[in-house]
Protein backbone atom coordinates (compact mmCIF):
# COMPACT_ATOMS: atom_id res chain seq x y z
CA MET A 1 44.52 43.24 -58.61
CA ASP A 2 42.90 39.83 -58.87
CA ASP A 3 42.42 39.76 -55.10
CA LEU A 4 40.38 42.97 -55.11
CA THR A 5 38.01 41.93 -57.89
CA GLY A 6 36.56 39.21 -55.68
CA TYR A 7 35.84 41.78 -52.98
CA PHE A 8 33.99 44.25 -55.21
CA THR A 9 30.80 42.40 -56.07
CA MET A 10 27.39 43.89 -56.67
CA GLU A 11 26.11 42.45 -53.39
CA ARG A 12 28.76 44.41 -51.48
CA ASP A 13 28.67 47.60 -53.53
CA PHE A 14 27.23 50.40 -51.42
CA VAL A 15 25.75 52.25 -54.41
CA TYR A 16 24.10 49.05 -55.67
CA ILE A 17 22.63 48.27 -52.24
CA ARG A 18 21.44 51.86 -51.83
CA GLY A 19 19.80 51.71 -55.26
CA GLN A 20 18.00 48.50 -54.33
CA MET A 21 16.75 50.05 -51.08
CA ASP A 22 15.56 53.18 -52.90
CA GLY A 23 13.76 51.01 -55.47
CA MET A 24 12.01 49.03 -52.75
CA GLU A 25 10.94 52.22 -50.96
CA LYS A 26 9.54 53.68 -54.18
CA GLY A 27 7.70 50.44 -54.89
CA LEU A 28 6.16 50.36 -51.42
CA LYS A 29 5.12 54.00 -51.67
CA LYS A 30 3.52 53.42 -55.08
CA GLY A 31 1.69 50.37 -53.70
CA GLU A 32 0.38 52.36 -50.76
CA GLU A 33 -0.81 55.12 -53.08
CA LYS A 34 -2.63 52.61 -55.28
CA ALA A 35 -4.28 51.01 -52.24
CA LEU A 36 -5.39 54.41 -50.96
CA GLU A 37 -6.81 55.32 -54.39
CA LYS A 38 -8.65 51.99 -54.58
CA ASN A 39 -10.16 52.42 -51.11
CA THR A 40 -11.16 56.02 -51.78
CA LYS A 41 -12.89 54.95 -54.99
CA LYS A 42 -14.70 52.18 -53.10
CA ILE A 43 -15.88 54.61 -50.42
CA VAL A 44 -17.17 57.11 -52.99
CA ARG A 45 -18.90 54.32 -54.94
CA ASN A 46 -20.61 53.01 -51.80
CA LEU A 47 -21.71 56.48 -50.72
CA LEU A 48 -23.20 57.10 -54.16
CA ARG A 49 -25.02 53.77 -54.23
CA LYS A 50 -26.22 53.52 -50.63
CA THR A 51 -27.00 57.10 -49.62
CA ASN A 52 -28.86 60.10 -50.92
CA PHE A 53 -26.01 62.47 -50.08
CA THR A 54 -25.22 65.28 -52.47
CA ILE A 55 -22.05 65.21 -54.54
CA ALA A 56 -20.67 68.00 -52.38
CA LYS A 57 -21.35 66.03 -49.17
CA ILE A 58 -19.74 62.85 -50.57
CA ALA A 59 -16.70 64.83 -51.74
CA ASP A 60 -16.38 66.35 -48.29
CA LEU A 61 -16.73 63.00 -46.49
CA ALA A 62 -14.26 61.20 -48.76
CA ASP A 63 -11.88 64.19 -48.90
CA VAL A 64 -11.91 64.30 -52.70
CA SER A 65 -13.02 66.84 -55.29
CA GLN A 66 -16.57 67.09 -56.57
CA TYR A 67 -15.15 66.44 -60.03
CA TYR A 68 -13.80 63.08 -58.80
CA VAL A 69 -17.21 62.13 -57.35
CA ARG A 70 -18.96 63.04 -60.61
CA LYS A 71 -16.42 60.99 -62.56
CA ILE A 72 -17.11 57.93 -60.37
CA LYS A 73 -20.86 58.55 -60.64
CA LYS A 74 -20.63 58.47 -64.44
CA THR A 75 -19.02 55.02 -64.33
CA LEU A 76 -21.85 53.77 -62.11
CA SER A 77 -24.61 55.05 -64.35
CA LYS A 78 -23.26 53.50 -67.56
CA PRO A 79 -25.65 50.80 -68.70
CA LYS A 80 -24.22 47.31 -68.68
CA ALA A 81 -23.96 45.50 -72.00
CA ALA A 82 -26.99 43.38 -72.73
CA ALA A 83 -26.47 39.68 -72.31
CA ILE A 84 -26.09 37.77 -75.54
CA PRO A 85 -28.94 35.27 -75.82
CA ASP A 86 -28.00 31.61 -75.71
CA ARG A 87 -28.90 30.23 -79.12
CA ARG A 88 -28.17 26.64 -78.22
CA ARG A 89 -31.66 26.26 -76.70
CA ALA A 90 -33.61 26.41 -79.91
């Protein structure tokens, strides 16, 4: 029995190796999905800022819903926080 325990290690276990491969595939897929979402958001943002296209036209060009375009537009139109004045310059 002692001879077999050296053979059955995690690195040689088929189920362990398969689990690692599945985990890597899921991680890659999730990364690709995040990258696609980031790029889509960037495209919609740029179309909103740099063109006068309607929300429907932008949604059609970016292959997203009009709801998604409106949601991105809301984040663009939020006013930025006012800068806190530097009081060291008295």
